[in-house]
């Protein structure tokens, strides 16, 4: 898994668990998004292509099992269930309907990381574009680098999420709302600043962008030659 940075969705109604798991994963070089309910997670997987989902079973509203039943047919992403010790029936049902693994709470962080790495080694998707070249520009999402005019620019995790979605949907316009949902940000001005920063790394003339363009009244689009 050299240079592969997996994007993981953590779904749990307990803010403490979400924060703790995110901390563990960030410390092990994973990119992390979170959701506090099955409903919120369903919206996120419509927009973001995650590499793995860590899913709590017992949540208010729809349960983790209901989430799997509703989404697994159209979802190739592997799922690890987080379960309470008193939920053996739910664990078995989760595995039967499509979960890939489970881990009882409380759990050891090292065990969670090992389970994640084992699953990703077996199921890592190779169909998504993560390295592209166009007009003497190379975007490498694995190494988090943009090479342009013999210069190299680092990509941060926020920029990586935006570029990954745009690269795999060339010519599609993304509204500020779409981008905000991707990166958990609802301030339009801040989104504009991120796009401006990306243009400085991609465009020869950032003030007159050729590739990362603004569609007036609609949003932003990445044109790849």
C-alpha atoms as a PDB file:
ATOM      1  CA  UNK A   1       0.000   0.000   0.000  1.00  0.00           C
ATOM      2  CA  UNK A   2       2.937   2.301  -0.645  1.00  0.00           C
ATOM      3  CA  UNK A   3       1.851   5.938  -1.022  1.00  0.00           C
ATOM      4  CA  UNK A   4      -1.826   4.935  -0.841  1.00  0.00           C
ATOM      5  CA  UNK A   5      -3.804   7.234   1.446  1.00  0.00           C
ATOM      6  CA  UNK A   6      -7.168   5.654   2.206  1.00  0.00           C
ATOM      7  CA  UNK A   7     -10.233   7.790   2.843  1.00  0.00           C
ATOM      8  CA  UNK A   8     -12.324   6.324   5.666  1.00  0.00           C
ATOM      9  CA  UNK A   9     -15.841   7.249   6.802  1.00  0.00           C
ATOM     10  CA  UNK A  10     -16.523   6.862  10.542  1.00  0.00           C
ATOM     11  CA  UNK A  11     -20.239   6.597  11.363  1.00  0.00           C
ATOM     12  CA  UNK A  12     -21.244   6.782  15.021  1.00  0.00           C
ATOM     13  CA  UNK A  13     -23.776   8.861  16.959  1.00  0.00           C
ATOM     14  CA  UNK A  14     -21.310   9.183  19.868  1.00  0.00           C
ATOM     15  CA  UNK A  15     -19.170  12.269  19.281  1.00  0.00           C
ATOM     16  CA  UNK A  16     -16.519  10.960  21.655  1.00  0.00           C
ATOM     17  CA  UNK A  17     -16.132   7.724  19.668  1.00  0.00           C
ATOM     18  CA  UNK A  18     -16.021   9.627  16.360  1.00  0.00           C
ATOM     19  CA  UNK A  19     -13.319  11.970  17.634  1.00  0.00           C
ATOM     20  CA  UNK A  20     -11.286   9.149  19.167  1.00  0.00           C
ATOM     21  CA  UNK A  21     -11.384   6.955  16.065  1.00  0.00           C
ATOM     22  CA  UNK A  22     -10.582   9.929  13.830  1.00  0.00           C
ATOM     23  CA  UNK A  23      -7.565  10.738  16.027  1.00  0.00           C
ATOM     24  CA  UNK A  24      -6.286   7.146  15.819  1.00  0.00           C
ATOM     25  CA  UNK A  25      -6.725   7.039  12.049  1.00  0.00           C
ATOM     26  CA  UNK A  26      -5.164  10.451  11.417  1.00  0.00           C
ATOM     27  CA  UNK A  27      -2.139   9.405  13.464  1.00  0.00           C
ATOM     28  CA  UNK A  28      -1.784   6.438  11.099  1.00  0.00           C
ATOM     29  CA  UNK A  29      -1.967   8.585   7.956  1.00  0.00           C
ATOM     30  CA  UNK A  30      -5.565   7.895   6.976  1.00  0.00           C
ATOM     31  CA  UNK A  31      -7.870  10.576   5.597  1.00  0.00           C
ATOM     32  CA  UNK A  32     -11.066  10.642   7.692  1.00  0.00           C
ATOM     33  CA  UNK A  33     -14.605  11.940   7.298  1.00  0.00           C
ATOM     34  CA  UNK A  34     -17.304  11.441   9.928  1.00  0.00           C
ATOM     35  CA  UNK A  35     -21.084  11.127  10.106  1.00  0.00           C
ATOM     36  CA  UNK A  36     -23.293  11.120  13.199  1.00  0.00           C
ATOM     37  CA  UNK A  37     -26.107   9.018  11.717  1.00  0.00           C
ATOM     38  CA  UNK A  38     -26.918   6.481   9.022  1.00  0.00           C
ATOM     39  CA  UNK A  39     -28.890   9.160   7.197  1.00  0.00           C
ATOM     40  CA  UNK A  40     -25.899  11.506   7.084  1.00  0.00           C
ATOM     41  CA  UNK A  41     -23.626   8.661   5.978  1.00  0.00           C
ATOM     42  CA  UNK A  42     -25.984   7.790   3.110  1.00  0.00           C
ATOM     43  CA  UNK A  43     -25.746  11.371   1.825  1.00  0.00           C
ATOM     44  CA  UNK A  44     -21.949  11.341   2.025  1.00  0.00           C
ATOM     45  CA  UNK A  45     -21.472   8.090   0.108  1.00  0.00           C
ATOM     46  CA  UNK A  46     -23.524   9.587  -2.731  1.00  0.00           C
ATOM     47  CA  UNK A  47     -20.831  12.218  -3.180  1.00  0.00           C
ATOM     48  CA  UNK A  48     -17.592  10.701  -1.882  1.00  0.00           C
ATOM     49  CA  UNK A  49     -15.979   7.408  -2.919  1.00  0.00           C
ATOM     50  CA  UNK A  50     -14.678   6.062   0.393  1.00  0.00           C
ATOM     51  CA  UNK A  51     -12.155   3.236   0.697  1.00  0.00           C
ATOM     52  CA  UNK A  52     -13.639   1.862   3.927  1.00  0.00           C
ATOM     53  CA  UNK A  53     -16.514   2.562   6.331  1.00  0.00           C
ATOM     54  CA  UNK A  54     -16.399   2.078  10.109  1.00  0.00           C
ATOM     55  CA  UNK A  55     -20.023   1.739  11.171  1.00  0.00           C
ATOM     56  CA  UNK A  56     -21.741   1.645  14.563  1.00  0.00           C
ATOM     57  CA  UNK A  57     -24.746  -0.686  14.750  1.00  0.00           C
ATOM     58  CA  UNK A  58     -26.922   0.951  17.398  1.00  0.00           C
ATOM     59  CA  UNK A  59     -27.780   4.539  16.445  1.00  0.00           C
ATOM     60  CA  UNK A  60     -30.899   6.683  16.796  1.00  0.00           C
ATOM     61  CA  UNK A  61     -33.012   6.667  13.668  1.00  0.00           C
ATOM     62  CA  UNK A  62     -31.733   4.096  11.205  1.00  0.00           C
ATOM     63  CA  UNK A  63     -29.356   1.496  12.568  1.00  0.00           C
ATOM     64  CA  UNK A  64     -26.072   0.479  11.022  1.00  0.00           C
ATOM     65  CA  UNK A  65     -27.714  -2.730   9.799  1.00  0.00           C
ATOM     66  CA  UNK A  66     -30.425  -0.739   8.027  1.00  0.00           C
ATOM     67  CA  UNK A  67     -27.704   1.375   6.425  1.00  0.00           C
ATOM     68  CA  UNK A  68     -26.040  -1.763   5.033  1.00  0.00           C
ATOM     69  CA  UNK A  69     -29.337  -3.200   3.760  1.00  0.00           C
ATOM     70  CA  UNK A  70     -30.215   0.032   1.962  1.00  0.00           C
ATOM     71  CA  UNK A  71     -26.795   0.681   0.432  1.00  0.00           C
ATOM     72  CA  UNK A  72     -24.784  -2.521   0.085  1.00  0.00           C
ATOM     73  CA  UNK A  73     -26.150  -3.485  -3.356  1.00  0.00           C
ATOM     74  CA  UNK A  74     -24.701  -0.336  -4.854  1.00  0.00           C
ATOM     75  CA  UNK A  75     -21.788  -0.028  -2.436  1.00  0.00           C
ATOM     76  CA  UNK A  76     -18.528  -1.895  -2.981  1.00  0.00           C
ATOM     77  CA  UNK A  77     -16.842  -0.195  -0.032  1.00  0.00           C
ATOM     78  CA  UNK A  78     -15.776  -2.606   2.745  1.00  0.00           C
ATOM     79  CA  UNK A  79     -17.430  -2.110   6.143  1.00  0.00           C
ATOM     80  CA  UNK A  80     -16.176  -2.732   9.674  1.00  0.00           C
ATOM     81  CA  UNK A  81     -18.908  -2.812  12.318  1.00  0.00           C
ATOM     82  CA  UNK A  82     -18.358  -1.367  15.781  1.00  0.00           C
ATOM     83  CA  UNK A  83     -20.584  -3.257  18.172  1.00  0.00           C
ATOM     84  CA  UNK A  84     -21.375  -3.458  21.861  1.00  0.00           C
ATOM     85  CA  UNK A  85     -20.416  -6.743  23.521  1.00  0.00           C
ATOM     86  CA  UNK A  86     -24.066  -7.615  24.051  1.00  0.00           C
ATOM     87  CA  UNK A  87     -24.928  -7.635  20.345  1.00  0.00           C
ATOM     88  CA  UNK A  88     -23.878 -11.095  19.031  1.00  0.00           C
ATOM     89  CA  UNK A  89     -27.055 -11.491  16.979  1.00  0.00           C
ATOM     90  CA  UNK A  90     -26.565  -8.119  15.340  1.00  0.00           C
ATOM     91  CA  UNK A  91     -22.927  -8.914  14.571  1.00  0.00           C
ATOM     92  CA  UNK A  92     -23.891 -12.146  12.832  1.00  0.00           C
ATOM     93  CA  UNK A  93     -26.660 -10.431  10.886  1.00  0.00           C
ATOM     94  CA  UNK A  94     -24.264  -7.654   9.883  1.00  0.00           C
ATOM     95  CA  UNK A  95     -21.771 -10.149   8.458  1.00  0.00           C
ATOM     96  CA  UNK A  96     -24.563 -12.045   6.704  1.00  0.00           C
ATOM     97  CA  UNK A  97     -25.892  -8.949   4.926  1.00  0.00           C
ATOM     98  CA  UNK A  98     -22.539  -7.651   3.770  1.00  0.00           C
ATOM     99  CA  UNK A  99     -20.242  -6.282   6.494  1.00  0.00           C
ATOM    100  CA  UNK A 100     -16.631  -7.394   6.103  1.00  0.00           C
ATOM    101  CA  UNK A 101     -15.541  -7.454   9.756  1.00  0.00           C
ATOM    102  CA  UNK A 102     -16.584  -6.344  13.232  1.00  0.00           C
ATOM    103  CA  UNK A 103     -14.911  -5.073  16.377  1.00  0.00           C
ATOM    104  CA  UNK A 104     -16.583  -5.054  19.820  1.00  0.00           C
ATOM    105  CA  UNK A 105     -16.465  -1.925  21.976  1.00  0.00           C
ATOM    106  CA  UNK A 106     -14.322  -1.053  23.824  1.00  0.00           C
ATOM    107  CA  UNK A 107     -11.537  -1.884  21.389  1.00  0.00           C
ATOM    108  CA  UNK A 108      -7.780  -1.549  21.185  1.00  0.00           C
ATOM    109  CA  UNK A 109      -6.741   1.129  18.680  1.00  0.00           C
ATOM    110  CA  UNK A 110      -3.914  -1.040  17.342  1.00  0.00           C
ATOM    111  CA  UNK A 111      -6.362  -3.847  16.594  1.00  0.00           C
ATOM    112  CA  UNK A 112      -8.650  -1.471  14.687  1.00  0.00           C
ATOM    113  CA  UNK A 113      -5.714  -0.216  12.601  1.00  0.00           C
ATOM    114  CA  UNK A 114      -4.593  -3.771  11.835  1.00  0.00           C
ATOM    115  CA  UNK A 115      -8.086  -4.805  10.766  1.00  0.00           C
ATOM    116  CA  UNK A 116      -8.361  -1.749   8.520  1.00  0.00           C
ATOM    117  CA  UNK A 117      -4.995  -2.411   6.884  1.00  0.00           C
ATOM    118  CA  UNK A 118      -5.792  -6.099   6.347  1.00  0.00           C
ATOM    119  CA  UNK A 119      -9.074  -5.295   4.629  1.00  0.00           C
ATOM    120  CA  UNK A 120      -7.577  -2.565   2.467  1.00  0.00           C
ATOM    121  CA  UNK A 121      -4.780  -4.863   1.331  1.00  0.00           C
ATOM    122  CA  UNK A 122      -7.415  -7.325   0.089  1.00  0.00           C
ATOM    123  CA  UNK A 123      -9.974  -4.923  -1.315  1.00  0.00           C
ATOM    124  CA  UNK A 124      -8.152  -1.730  -2.313  1.00  0.00           C
ATOM    125  CA  UNK A 125      -9.851  -0.362  -5.404  1.00  0.00           C
ATOM    126  CA  UNK A 126      -7.608   0.228  -8.417  1.00  0.00           C
ATOM    127  CA  UNK A 127     -10.217   1.557 -10.856  1.00  0.00           C
ATOM    128  CA  UNK A 128     -10.328   5.101  -9.542  1.00  0.00           C
ATOM    129  CA  UNK A 129      -7.987   7.563 -11.163  1.00  0.00           C
ATOM    130  CA  UNK A 130      -5.434   8.734  -8.626  1.00  0.00           C
ATOM    131  CA  UNK A 131      -2.656   9.875 -10.963  1.00  0.00           C
ATOM    132  CA  UNK A 132      -3.423  11.947 -14.062  1.00  0.00           C
ATOM    133  CA  UNK A 133      -1.357  13.941 -16.538  1.00  0.00           C
ATOM    134  CA  UNK A 134      -2.577  16.699 -18.831  1.00  0.00           C
ATOM    135  CA  UNK A 135      -0.897  19.654 -20.524  1.00  0.00           C
ATOM    136  CA  UNK A 136       2.459  19.047 -18.759  1.00  0.00           C
ATOM    137  CA  UNK A 137       0.656  18.905 -15.396  1.00  0.00           C
ATOM    138  CA  UNK A 138       0.615  15.813 -13.176  1.00  0.00           C
ATOM    139  CA  UNK A 139      -1.702  15.379 -10.222  1.00  0.00           C
ATOM    140  CA  UNK A 140      -0.708  12.478  -7.977  1.00  0.00           C
ATOM    141  CA  UNK A 141      -3.313  11.874  -5.287  1.00  0.00           C
ATOM    142  CA  UNK A 142      -1.328   8.973  -3.864  1.00  0.00           C
ATOM    143  CA  UNK A 143       1.690  11.152  -3.092  1.00  0.00           C
ATOM    144  CA  UNK A 144      -0.424  14.293  -2.543  1.00  0.00           C
ATOM    145  CA  UNK A 145       1.570  16.217  -5.130  1.00  0.00           C
ATOM    146  CA  UNK A 146       0.939  18.449  -8.142  1.00  0.00           C
ATOM    147  CA  UNK A 147       3.834  18.765 -10.604  1.00  0.00           C
ATOM    148  CA  UNK A 148       3.547  21.808 -12.849  1.00  0.00           C
ATOM    149  CA  UNK A 149       6.168  23.635 -14.935  1.00  0.00           C
ATOM    150  CA  UNK A 150       8.943  21.639 -13.209  1.00  0.00           C
ATOM    151  CA  UNK A 151       7.656  22.769  -9.808  1.00  0.00           C
ATOM    152  CA  UNK A 152       6.072  20.552  -7.159  1.00  0.00           C
ATOM    153  CA  UNK A 153       3.249  21.585  -4.853  1.00  0.00           C
ATOM    154  CA  UNK A 154       1.944  19.644  -1.873  1.00  0.00           C
ATOM    155  CA  UNK A 155      -1.777  18.882  -1.711  1.00  0.00           C
ATOM    156  CA  UNK A 156      -3.441  18.886   1.692  1.00  0.00           C
ATOM    157  CA  UNK A 157      -6.243  16.472   2.581  1.00  0.00           C
ATOM    158  CA  UNK A 158      -8.997  18.982   1.834  1.00  0.00           C
ATOM    159  CA  UNK A 159      -7.596  19.671  -1.629  1.00  0.00           C
ATOM    160  CA  UNK A 160      -7.175  15.940  -2.198  1.00  0.00           C
ATOM    161  CA  UNK A 161     -10.852  15.226  -1.522  1.00  0.00           C
ATOM    162  CA  UNK A 162     -11.973  17.947  -3.952  1.00  0.00           C
ATOM    163  CA  UNK A 163      -9.538  16.937  -6.696  1.00  0.00           C
ATOM    164  CA  UNK A 164     -10.352  13.248  -6.364  1.00  0.00           C
ATOM    165  CA  UNK A 165     -14.032  13.913  -6.915  1.00  0.00           C
ATOM    166  CA  UNK A 166     -13.422  16.265  -9.838  1.00  0.00           C
ATOM    167  CA  UNK A 167     -10.859  14.007 -11.516  1.00  0.00           C
ATOM    168  CA  UNK A 168     -13.244  11.064 -11.449  1.00  0.00           C
ATOM    169  CA  UNK A 169     -16.090  13.234 -12.754  1.00  0.00           C
ATOM    170  CA  UNK A 170     -14.403  15.278 -15.513  1.00  0.00           C
ATOM    171  CA  UNK A 171     -16.545  18.066 -16.933  1.00  0.00           C
ATOM    172  CA  UNK A 172     -19.059  17.911 -14.082  1.00  0.00           C
ATOM    173  CA  UNK A 173     -19.879  21.188 -12.340  1.00  0.00           C
ATOM    174  CA  UNK A 174     -19.751  21.126  -8.543  1.00  0.00           C
ATOM    175  CA  UNK A 175     -21.622  23.829  -6.650  1.00  0.00           C
ATOM    176  CA  UNK A 176     -20.165  25.444  -3.565  1.00  0.00           C
ATOM    177  CA  UNK A 177     -22.746  23.456  -1.596  1.00  0.00           C
ATOM    178  CA  UNK A 178     -21.482  20.190  -3.145  1.00  0.00           C
ATOM    179  CA  UNK A 179     -17.886  21.045  -2.302  1.00  0.00           C
ATOM    180  CA  UNK A 180     -18.816  22.191   1.184  1.00  0.00           C
ATOM    181  CA  UNK A 181     -20.533  18.872   1.844  1.00  0.00           C
ATOM    182  CA  UNK A 182     -17.467  16.993   0.631  1.00  0.00           C
ATOM    183  CA  UNK A 183     -15.150  18.740   3.069  1.00  0.00           C
ATOM    184  CA  UNK A 184     -17.558  19.515   5.931  1.00  0.00           C
ATOM    185  CA  UNK A 185     -17.441  23.262   5.325  1.00  0.00           C
ATOM    186  CA  UNK A 186     -20.412  25.574   4.848  1.00  0.00           C
ATOM    187  CA  UNK A 187     -18.683  28.929   4.347  1.00  0.00           C
ATOM    188  CA  UNK A 188     -18.736  29.885   0.661  1.00  0.00           C
ATOM    189  CA  UNK A 189     -15.896  32.357   1.028  1.00  0.00           C
ATOM    190  CA  UNK A 190     -13.641  29.690   2.519  1.00  0.00           C
ATOM    191  CA  UNK A 191     -14.475  27.347  -0.376  1.00  0.00           C
ATOM    192  CA  UNK A 192     -13.534  30.083  -2.854  1.00  0.00           C
ATOM    193  CA  UNK A 193     -10.203  30.503  -1.055  1.00  0.00           C
ATOM    194  CA  UNK A 194      -9.489  26.741  -1.370  1.00  0.00           C
ATOM    195  CA  UNK A 195     -10.251  26.819  -5.111  1.00  0.00           C
ATOM    196  CA  UNK A 196      -8.015  29.872  -5.548  1.00  0.00           C
ATOM    197  CA  UNK A 197      -5.208  28.029  -3.759  1.00  0.00           C
ATOM    198  CA  UNK A 198      -5.647  25.002  -6.033  1.00  0.00           C
ATOM    199  CA  UNK A 199      -5.549  27.199  -9.122  1.00  0.00           C
ATOM    200  CA  UNK A 200      -2.155  28.552  -8.065  1.00  0.00           C
ATOM    201  CA  UNK A 201      -0.882  24.969  -8.101  1.00  0.00           C
ATOM    202  CA  UNK A 202      -2.544  23.906 -11.353  1.00  0.00           C
ATOM    203  CA  UNK A 203      -2.869  26.932 -13.607  1.00  0.00           C
ATOM    204  CA  UNK A 204      -0.160  28.759 -15.542  1.00  0.00           C
ATOM    205  CA  UNK A 205      -2.251  31.918 -15.110  1.00  0.00           C
ATOM    206  CA  UNK A 206      -4.465  31.461 -12.019  1.00  0.00           C
ATOM    207  CA  UNK A 207      -6.393  34.678 -12.746  1.00  0.00           C
ATOM    208  CA  UNK A 208      -7.422  33.289 -16.134  1.00  0.00           C
ATOM    209  CA  UNK A 209      -7.883  29.586 -15.392  1.00  0.00           C
ATOM    210  CA  UNK A 210      -7.921  27.120 -18.258  1.00  0.00           C
ATOM    211  CA  UNK A 211      -8.583  23.925 -16.319  1.00  0.00           C
ATOM    212  CA  UNK A 212     -10.207  24.661 -12.941  1.00  0.00           C
ATOM    213  CA  UNK A 213     -12.901  27.029 -14.134  1.00  0.00           C
ATOM    214  CA  UNK A 214     -15.811  28.891 -12.574  1.00  0.00           C
ATOM    215  CA  UNK A 215     -19.230  28.314 -14.094  1.00  0.00           C
ATOM    216  CA  UNK A 216     -21.076  31.499 -13.217  1.00  0.00           C
ATOM    217  CA  UNK A 217     -24.080  30.841 -10.992  1.00  0.00           C
ATOM    218  CA  UNK A 218     -23.339  27.100 -10.853  1.00  0.00           C
ATOM    219  CA  UNK A 219     -19.961  26.354  -9.296  1.00  0.00           C
ATOM    220  CA  UNK A 220     -16.628  24.939 -10.361  1.00  0.00           C
ATOM    221  CA  UNK A 221     -15.518  22.393 -12.962  1.00  0.00           C
ATOM    222  CA  UNK A 222     -12.209  20.703 -13.803  1.00  0.00           C
ATOM    223  CA  UNK A 223     -11.552  20.421 -17.552  1.00  0.00           C
ATOM    224  CA  UNK A 224      -8.918  17.786 -18.329  1.00  0.00           C
ATOM    225  CA  UNK A 225      -7.531  17.702 -21.864  1.00  0.00           C
END
